[in-house]
Amino acid sequence: MAQPPQLPDTPSLVADLVQQVSQLINHHQIQDPLVIGIHTGGAWLAETLAKTLDAPLGKLDISFYRDDFTQQGLNPKVNPSNLPFDINNRHIILVDDVLMTGRTIRAALNELFDYGRPASIKLATLCAINGRQLPIQADACALELQVTANQYLQLEGPEPLQLTLIERTIDESAS
C-alpha cells in the first residue's frame, strides 16, 4: 500500500497563498480588491488575506446554492452570508480552502451574482486536488495534490489552521 503524500506545513502554505495573491493583484493591476471567503475554511483563509492586503472582508455561506443539498441534506449550521459592501464593478478575490469538484465555487459564483455584477473574480485556494467535475481552476493555489478516491483534505481551525489528509474508511459490508 502506498504511503499517503506528506503535506507541507500549513503556515508555509498560507504564506505562499498570500504571496501568490499579492502577485496576482499586482500583475492584473487590481485596485482595492474585496476579499470574500467561502464558509468555513475559505472564510478563515480570507481573514488572513484581508488583513495582509488591508482589504474589506466578506463571507459566503453557500448552503442554499449547492446543487447537491437535496442529496446530502442541508447543513444544520447554515449562517447568513455577510457582504458588508457593494460588489458591483469591484474586483473580488474569492477564497476557498480546497478546490476539488468545482461545485462549491460554482455555487459561490451563483450567490455572488445575486448580490451584483463584479468587475472581476479571481479564485484563491490553499489546495487543489484531482476530481474536477466543472471547468473551474484557481488563479492562485499554494498546493496541487493528487489523492486517491478514499482520501480527502480538510482544513481545521481557525486557530491554528491545519490542513489534514484524511483516509476514508471503506465499509467492507457495502461491497
Foldseek 3Di string as FASTA:
>chain_A
DDDPDDDDWPVVLLVQLLVLVVVVCVVVVAPQEEEEAEPDQRLLSSVVNCVVVVHHYWYCDLQVQFPCCVPVPGDPPGDHTGDPDQQAQHEYEYGYAEAEQCRSVVSVVVVVVVRHDYVYYAYGYSEYEYHHNDPDDHSGYSYYDYDDPQWDWDWDDSVPTGIDIDGHDDDPVVD
